[in-house]
N, C-alpha and C. Protein backbone atom coordinates (compact mmCIF):
# COMPACT_ATOMS: atom_id res chain seq x y z
N MET A 1 20.29 21.95 9.31
CA MET A 1 20.74 20.65 10.13
C MET A 1 19.66 20.85 11.36
N LYS A 2 18.57 21.89 11.18
CA LYS A 2 17.16 22.12 11.80
C LYS A 2 15.94 21.19 11.33
N ASP A 3 16.23 21.12 10.08
CA ASP A 3 15.28 19.36 9.44
C ASP A 3 15.60 18.60 9.91
N ILE A 4 16.94 18.30 9.90
CA ILE A 4 17.40 16.79 10.75
C ILE A 4 17.23 16.90 12.02
N ASN A 5 17.16 17.65 12.87
CA ASN A 5 16.98 17.65 14.30
C ASN A 5 15.56 17.60 14.87
N ASN A 6 14.33 18.02 13.86
CA ASN A 6 13.14 17.82 13.86
C ASN A 6 12.74 16.77 13.47
N LEU A 7 13.34 16.00 12.22
CA LEU A 7 13.41 15.12 11.79
C LEU A 7 13.43 13.98 12.62
N ALA A 8 14.75 14.15 13.17
CA ALA A 8 15.43 12.85 14.04
C ALA A 8 14.49 12.66 15.41
N ALA A 9 13.60 13.83 16.09
CA ALA A 9 12.92 14.21 17.30
C ALA A 9 11.29 12.69 16.90
N MET A 10 11.04 13.40 15.65
CA MET A 10 9.72 13.11 15.28
C MET A 10 9.89 11.20 15.28
N MET A 11 11.18 10.59 14.63
CA MET A 11 11.19 9.53 14.84
C MET A 11 11.69 8.93 16.02
N LYS A 12 11.90 9.50 17.41
CA LYS A 12 12.18 9.31 18.12
C LYS A 12 13.56 8.59 17.96
N PHE A 13 14.73 9.35 17.09
CA PHE A 13 16.27 8.95 17.29
C PHE A 13 16.81 9.60 17.74
N THR A 14 17.82 9.17 18.33
CA THR A 14 18.97 10.14 18.85
C THR A 14 20.30 9.41 17.70
N LEU A 15 20.36 10.74 16.70
CA LEU A 15 21.52 10.82 16.24
C LEU A 15 22.75 11.66 16.56
N CYS A 16 24.22 11.16 16.39
CA CYS A 16 25.51 11.82 16.40
C CYS A 16 25.43 12.75 15.27
N GLU A 17 26.33 13.56 15.73
CA GLU A 17 26.40 14.95 14.01
C GLU A 17 27.03 14.10 13.01
N ASP A 18 27.96 12.67 13.35
CA ASP A 18 28.29 12.54 11.44
C ASP A 18 27.22 12.18 11.26
N GLU A 19 25.88 11.70 11.91
CA GLU A 19 24.82 10.95 11.25
C GLU A 19 24.01 11.79 11.04
N LYS A 20 23.83 12.97 11.64
CA LYS A 20 23.16 14.35 10.93
C LYS A 20 24.07 15.02 9.81
N ILE A 21 25.10 14.91 9.78
CA ILE A 21 25.37 15.38 8.35
C ILE A 21 25.39 14.44 7.46
N PHE A 22 25.39 12.72 7.65
CA PHE A 22 25.02 11.76 6.61
C PHE A 22 23.99 12.00 5.91
N VAL A 23 22.61 12.27 6.81
CA VAL A 23 21.58 12.16 6.40
C VAL A 23 21.20 13.59 5.79
N SER A 24 21.81 14.39 6.32
CA SER A 24 21.43 15.53 5.77
C SER A 24 22.34 16.06 4.43
N THR A 25 23.26 15.19 4.28
CA THR A 25 23.73 15.27 2.91
C THR A 25 23.18 14.38 1.66
N GLY A 26 22.73 13.24 2.58
CA GLY A 26 21.83 12.50 1.61
C GLY A 26 20.09 12.59 1.30
N MET A 27 19.63 14.00 1.82
CA MET A 27 18.26 15.05 1.94
C MET A 27 18.77 15.54 0.67
N ASP A 28 20.00 16.41 0.86
CA ASP A 28 19.99 17.43 0.10
C ASP A 28 20.10 16.99 -1.60
N ILE A 29 21.20 15.72 -1.57
CA ILE A 29 21.30 14.71 -3.10
C ILE A 29 19.38 14.62 -3.22
N LEU A 30 18.92 13.91 -2.93
CA LEU A 30 17.33 13.50 -3.06
C LEU A 30 16.79 14.85 -3.43
N THR A 31 16.72 15.95 -2.82
CA THR A 31 15.99 17.10 -3.25
C THR A 31 16.66 17.80 -4.10
N ASP A 32 17.72 18.01 -4.51
CA ASP A 32 18.50 18.41 -6.00
C ASP A 32 17.73 17.52 -7.10
N SER A 33 17.73 16.33 -6.95
CA SER A 33 17.47 15.17 -8.12
C SER A 33 15.88 15.67 -8.34
N PHE A 34 15.05 16.05 -7.56
CA PHE A 34 13.71 16.38 -7.96
C PHE A 34 13.66 17.43 -8.33
N LYS A 35 14.84 18.70 -8.06
CA LYS A 35 14.56 19.99 -8.28
C LYS A 35 14.97 19.44 -9.92
N ALA A 36 15.88 18.71 -10.56
CA ALA A 36 15.75 18.75 -11.90
C ALA A 36 14.61 18.32 -12.72
N LEU A 37 14.05 17.74 -12.20
CA LEU A 37 12.71 17.72 -13.09
C LEU A 37 11.29 18.93 -13.18
N ILE A 38 12.06 19.76 -12.63
CA ILE A 38 11.35 21.04 -12.66
C ILE A 38 11.66 21.53 -14.46
N ASP A 39 12.39 21.49 -14.61
CA ASP A 39 12.94 22.05 -15.79
C ASP A 39 12.24 20.93 -17.25
N VAL A 40 12.24 19.68 -16.60
CA VAL A 40 11.48 18.89 -17.86
C VAL A 40 10.44 19.62 -18.49
N ASP A 41 9.87 19.74 -19.57
CA ASP A 41 8.94 20.31 -20.56
C ASP A 41 8.15 18.79 -20.63
N THR A 42 7.08 19.07 -20.08
CA THR A 42 5.73 18.24 -19.66
C THR A 42 4.55 18.57 -20.62
N ASP A 43 4.57 19.72 -21.85
CA ASP A 43 3.20 20.15 -22.47
C ASP A 43 3.07 19.02 -23.08
N GLY A 44 1.52 18.78 -23.24
CA GLY A 44 1.10 17.59 -24.03
C GLY A 44 1.37 16.53 -23.59
N THR A 45 1.72 16.44 -22.42
CA THR A 45 2.10 14.64 -22.28
C THR A 45 0.99 14.68 -21.24
N LEU A 46 0.37 13.26 -21.42
CA LEU A 46 -0.93 12.90 -20.77
C LEU A 46 -0.17 12.05 -19.39
N PRO A 47 -1.47 12.67 -18.01
CA PRO A 47 -0.19 11.58 -17.38
C PRO A 47 -0.69 10.17 -16.98
N MET A 48 0.30 9.63 -16.54
CA MET A 48 0.38 8.23 -16.71
C MET A 48 0.53 7.77 -15.46
N VAL A 49 0.11 6.48 -14.65
CA VAL A 49 -0.41 5.71 -13.91
C VAL A 49 1.11 4.59 -14.05
N SER A 50 1.34 4.53 -15.19
CA SER A 50 2.53 3.55 -15.66
C SER A 50 3.04 3.45 -16.82
N VAL A 51 4.27 3.38 -16.72
CA VAL A 51 5.01 3.31 -18.67
C VAL A 51 4.39 2.26 -18.75
N LEU A 52 3.91 0.93 -18.40
CA LEU A 52 3.18 -0.35 -19.18
C LEU A 52 1.80 -0.20 -19.64
N GLU A 53 1.87 -0.83 -20.96
CA GLU A 53 0.59 -0.82 -21.40
C GLU A 53 -0.12 -1.47 -20.42
N SER A 54 -1.35 -0.98 -20.17
CA SER A 54 -2.48 -1.80 -19.46
C SER A 54 -3.60 -2.16 -20.21
N ARG A 55 -3.86 -3.33 -19.62
CA ARG A 55 -5.41 -4.00 -20.42
C ARG A 55 -6.31 -4.70 -19.58
N ASN A 56 -6.98 -4.95 -19.77
CA ASN A 56 -8.32 -5.61 -19.05
C ASN A 56 -8.06 -7.10 -18.89
N ILE A 57 -7.49 -7.85 -18.24
CA ILE A 57 -7.12 -9.27 -18.35
C ILE A 57 -8.27 -9.66 -17.46
N PHE A 58 -9.49 -9.01 -17.18
CA PHE A 58 -10.26 -10.20 -15.78
C PHE A 58 -11.29 -10.77 -17.45
N ARG A 59 -11.87 -11.66 -16.81
CA ARG A 59 -12.89 -12.42 -17.68
C ARG A 59 -14.25 -11.82 -17.53
N GLU A 60 -15.27 -12.32 -18.81
CA GLU A 60 -16.67 -11.89 -18.44
C GLU A 60 -17.54 -12.14 -17.67
N ASP A 61 -18.02 -11.96 -16.39
CA ASP A 61 -19.05 -12.63 -15.64
C ASP A 61 -20.28 -13.46 -16.41
N GLN A 62 -20.29 -14.50 -15.61
CA GLN A 62 -21.05 -15.73 -16.40
C GLN A 62 -21.96 -16.22 -14.79
N VAL A 63 -23.10 -16.19 -15.18
CA VAL A 63 -24.13 -16.60 -14.26
C VAL A 63 -23.50 -18.05 -14.13
N VAL A 64 -23.66 -18.77 -12.49
CA VAL A 64 -23.08 -20.25 -12.37
C VAL A 64 -24.18 -20.47 -11.61
N LYS A 65 -24.23 -21.74 -11.29
CA LYS A 65 -25.18 -22.23 -10.45
C LYS A 65 -24.61 -22.33 -9.28
N THR A 66 -24.82 -21.91 -8.09
CA THR A 66 -24.52 -21.94 -6.61
C THR A 66 -25.12 -23.17 -5.70
N ILE A 67 -24.67 -23.25 -4.94
CA ILE A 67 -25.28 -23.93 -3.77
C ILE A 67 -26.02 -23.20 -2.78
N SER A 68 -26.88 -23.66 -2.67
CA SER A 68 -28.20 -22.82 -1.52
C SER A 68 -27.38 -22.79 -0.36
N ARG A 69 -27.83 -21.68 0.73
CA ARG A 69 -27.52 -22.07 2.01
C ARG A 69 -28.18 -22.98 2.75
N GLN A 70 -28.80 -23.54 2.44
CA GLN A 70 -29.54 -24.55 3.67
C GLN A 70 -28.94 -25.56 3.11
N GLU A 71 -28.33 -25.67 1.58
CA GLU A 71 -27.64 -27.44 1.06
C GLU A 71 -26.10 -27.66 1.29
N LEU A 72 -25.60 -25.83 1.80
CA LEU A 72 -24.50 -26.13 2.15
C LEU A 72 -24.28 -26.10 3.89
N LEU A 73 -25.31 -25.48 4.50
CA LEU A 73 -25.44 -25.76 6.04
C LEU A 73 -26.03 -27.08 6.82
N ALA A 74 -26.25 -27.74 5.35
CA ALA A 74 -26.74 -29.52 6.11
C ALA A 74 -25.56 -30.43 6.31
N ALA A 75 -24.30 -29.78 5.60
CA ALA A 75 -23.25 -30.76 5.93
C ALA A 75 -22.20 -30.02 7.42
N ALA A 76 -22.68 -28.86 7.47
CA ALA A 76 -22.12 -28.90 8.78
C ALA A 76 -21.78 -29.25 9.81
N PRO A 77 -21.01 -29.31 10.93
CA PRO A 77 -20.76 -30.13 11.94
C PRO A 77 -22.18 -29.22 13.13
N GLU A 78 -21.86 -27.78 13.22
CA GLU A 78 -22.48 -26.94 14.12
C GLU A 78 -23.17 -25.91 13.08
N GLN A 79 -24.06 -25.24 13.24
CA GLN A 79 -24.95 -24.12 12.51
C GLN A 79 -25.29 -22.84 14.17
N PHE A 80 -25.24 -21.45 13.21
CA PHE A 80 -25.94 -21.01 14.39
C PHE A 80 -26.32 -19.95 13.56
N ASP A 81 -28.16 -19.83 13.74
CA ASP A 81 -28.90 -18.62 12.75
C ASP A 81 -28.20 -18.19 11.40
N GLY A 82 -28.12 -19.59 11.10
CA GLY A 82 -27.67 -19.97 9.33
C GLY A 82 -26.18 -19.76 9.06
N PHE A 83 -25.48 -19.68 10.08
CA PHE A 83 -23.80 -19.64 9.94
C PHE A 83 -23.33 -20.97 9.87
N PHE A 84 -21.91 -20.98 9.91
CA PHE A 84 -21.42 -21.98 10.11
C PHE A 84 -20.91 -21.59 11.88
N GLN A 85 -20.77 -22.47 13.08
CA GLN A 85 -20.51 -22.14 14.16
C GLN A 85 -19.38 -23.01 14.30
N VAL A 86 -18.15 -22.07 14.64
CA VAL A 86 -16.66 -23.07 14.85
C VAL A 86 -16.37 -22.49 16.45
N PRO A 87 -15.31 -23.29 16.73
CA PRO A 87 -14.77 -23.19 17.92
C PRO A 87 -14.25 -21.48 18.32
N ARG A 88 -14.22 -20.62 19.50
CA ARG A 88 -13.67 -19.78 19.69
C ARG A 88 -12.64 -19.64 19.53
N THR A 89 -11.75 -18.78 19.09
CA THR A 89 -10.40 -19.12 18.86
C THR A 89 -9.79 -17.81 19.56
N LEU A 90 -10.04 -16.62 20.08
CA LEU A 90 -9.57 -15.36 21.01
C LEU A 90 -10.59 -15.84 22.08
N ALA A 91 -9.89 -15.06 23.22
CA ALA A 91 -10.08 -15.36 24.87
C ALA A 91 -10.79 -13.84 24.67
């Protein structure tokens, strides 16, 4: 129950005794389920990030023609120091 009181204090929660018992029971169940993993034999098993097969789905990099800064800013209603100038949005 000490752990529940510490946890509630850290989260700034006020728990009644019934709520403390409920949370404590849930934490015990969760902790016990993780303890069961200790008995699992993982020798020879490679670490995994996901059980799904992953592959690179990205395209190859290709050089493409881009618009120069001068061409782009030529159509800008306002610019300053080589950048678009827009109205201030924050005070």
